[in-house]
Amino acid sequence: MAHPIVHIEIPVKDADTGSGFYGELFGWKIAHHDEMNYVSFDPGDGVGGGFPVSDSDGTGNDGVLLYVGTDDIPGMLNQAETLGATVESTKAEIPGVGYMGVFRDPSGNRVALFTPLGEGREG
């Protein structure tokens, strides 16, 4: 399987203000998902993403989070760890969407792995 970037999260202090800024600046379509307490963006072409609310003043957040597609989150987390990464969260379900796991690379950057529902190995 290829490992494309499938989702990007841009932390914001306030979901409405942050999403409004990017919507106006780039003309992105903004959607509010009340059931998940999440605001997403669709650029129309290319990878979409969302705006998680940072619980800090914005200066201490972990920055932009890239989601990379894979059909084997546990295997990729193990491989990342072998290569010097630190696993931050093992495979967990995003209800109704898919599964994710997160690691920090040797430089401290956070990267999420993602498998849509109905794809990938169990475990």
Protein backbone atom coordinates (compact mmCIF):
# COMPACT_ATOMS: atom_id res chain seq x y z
CA MET A 1 0.00 0.00 0.00
CA ALA A 2 1.09 3.53 -0.72
CA HIS A 3 1.24 5.82 2.30
CA PRO A 4 -0.37 9.09 1.19
CA ILE A 5 -1.11 12.04 3.44
CA VAL A 6 -4.86 11.66 4.02
CA HIS A 7 -5.76 14.35 6.58
CA ILE A 8 -4.19 17.42 8.20
CA GLU A 9 -5.12 18.98 11.54
CA ILE A 10 -4.33 22.62 12.26
CA PRO A 11 -4.69 23.46 15.97
CA VAL A 12 -6.66 26.63 16.70
CA LYS A 13 -7.53 28.58 19.87
CA ASP A 14 -11.19 28.84 18.86
CA ALA A 15 -12.88 26.60 16.27
CA ASP A 16 -15.10 29.31 14.78
CA THR A 17 -12.39 31.96 14.58
CA GLY A 18 -9.72 29.57 13.33
CA SER A 19 -11.89 27.87 10.73
CA GLY A 20 -13.28 31.23 9.65
CA PHE A 21 -9.77 32.56 9.09
CA TYR A 22 -8.73 29.68 6.84
CA GLY A 23 -12.11 29.57 5.09
CA GLU A 24 -11.84 33.25 4.19
CA LEU A 25 -8.13 33.20 3.38
CA PHE A 26 -8.16 30.14 1.11
CA GLY A 27 -11.84 29.77 0.21
CA TRP A 28 -12.04 26.35 1.90
CA LYS A 29 -15.45 24.80 2.55
CA ILE A 30 -15.94 24.61 6.33
CA ALA A 31 -18.20 22.00 7.99
CA HIS A 32 -19.23 21.75 11.65
CA HIS A 33 -19.65 18.20 12.97
CA ASP A 34 -21.54 18.71 16.21
CA GLU A 35 -21.71 14.97 16.96
CA MET A 36 -17.90 14.87 17.11
CA ASN A 37 -17.36 18.45 18.36
CA TYR A 38 -15.10 18.96 15.35
CA VAL A 39 -14.78 21.47 12.50
CA SER A 40 -13.36 20.23 9.20
CA PHE A 41 -12.20 21.84 5.98
CA ASP A 42 -12.38 20.76 2.36
CA PRO A 43 -10.05 22.64 0.02
CA GLY A 44 -11.93 21.33 -3.01
CA ASP A 45 -8.77 19.79 -4.43
CA GLY A 46 -6.12 17.99 -2.41
CA VAL A 47 -6.06 16.79 1.17
CA GLY A 48 -8.67 18.07 3.64
CA GLY A 49 -8.50 18.19 7.38
CA GLY A 50 -9.78 19.79 10.53
CA PHE A 51 -9.28 22.31 13.30
CA PRO A 52 -8.84 20.73 16.75
CA VAL A 53 -9.12 23.29 19.54
CA SER A 54 -5.83 23.68 21.40
CA ASP A 55 -6.28 23.83 25.17
CA SER A 56 -3.29 26.17 25.43
CA ASP A 57 -2.75 29.76 24.38
CA GLY A 58 -1.63 28.48 20.99
CA THR A 59 2.08 28.78 21.68
CA GLY A 60 2.41 25.40 23.38
CA ASN A 61 0.40 23.23 21.00
CA ASP A 62 2.04 20.38 19.14
CA GLY A 63 1.62 22.06 15.77
CA VAL A 64 0.12 20.71 12.59
CA LEU A 65 -0.62 16.96 12.64
CA LEU A 66 -0.35 14.96 9.40
CA TYR A 67 -2.33 11.74 9.02
CA VAL A 68 -0.65 9.16 6.79
CA GLY A 69 -2.67 6.30 5.31
CA THR A 70 -1.76 2.70 6.06
CA ASP A 71 -3.48 -0.69 6.18
CA ASP A 72 -1.44 -1.82 9.22
CA ILE A 73 -1.31 0.70 12.07
CA PRO A 74 0.19 -1.67 14.68
CA GLY A 75 2.87 -2.86 12.25
CA MET A 76 3.78 0.68 11.22
CA LEU A 77 3.91 1.83 14.85
CA ASN A 78 6.27 -1.05 15.64
CA GLN A 79 8.46 -0.19 12.65
CA ALA A 80 8.51 3.51 13.60
CA GLU A 81 9.53 2.58 17.15
CA THR A 82 12.31 0.36 15.81
CA LEU A 83 13.56 3.34 13.79
CA GLY A 84 13.72 5.58 16.88
CA ALA A 85 10.19 6.96 17.20
CA THR A 86 8.16 7.04 20.40
CA VAL A 87 4.63 5.66 20.22
CA GLU A 88 2.23 8.19 21.71
CA SER A 89 -1.02 6.26 21.15
CA THR A 90 -1.67 2.77 19.85
CA LYS A 91 -4.43 1.89 17.38
CA ALA A 92 -7.72 3.47 18.49
CA GLU A 93 -11.08 3.81 16.79
CA ILE A 94 -12.43 7.12 15.53
CA PRO A 95 -16.14 6.20 15.76
CA GLY A 96 -17.78 5.97 12.37
CA VAL A 97 -14.60 7.02 10.55
CA GLY A 98 -11.69 4.61 11.01
CA TYR A 99 -8.66 3.98 13.17
CA MET A 100 -5.60 5.99 14.15
CA GLY A 101 -2.33 5.69 16.04
CA VAL A 102 0.20 8.43 16.80
CA PHE A 103 3.99 8.50 17.15
CA ARG A 104 6.70 11.13 17.59
CA ASP A 105 9.56 10.83 15.16
CA PRO A 106 13.17 11.07 16.42
CA SER A 107 12.98 14.88 15.95
CA GLY A 108 9.85 15.15 18.11
CA ASN A 109 7.31 15.70 15.32
CA ARG A 110 3.89 14.07 15.81
CA VAL A 111 2.60 11.90 12.96
CA ALA A 112 -0.70 10.03 12.91
CA LEU A 113 -1.37 6.81 11.03
CA PHE A 114 -4.90 6.28 9.65
CA THR A 115 -6.96 3.40 8.28
CA PRO A 116 -10.56 4.02 7.13
CA LEU A 117 -13.32 1.76 8.45
CA GLY A 118 -13.50 -1.51 6.56
CA GLU A 119 -9.84 -1.53 5.52
CA GLY A 120 -6.69 -2.93 7.03
CA ARG A 121 -5.72 -5.71 9.35
CA GLU A 122 -7.38 -6.41 12.66
CA GLY A 123 -5.44 -5.85 15.85
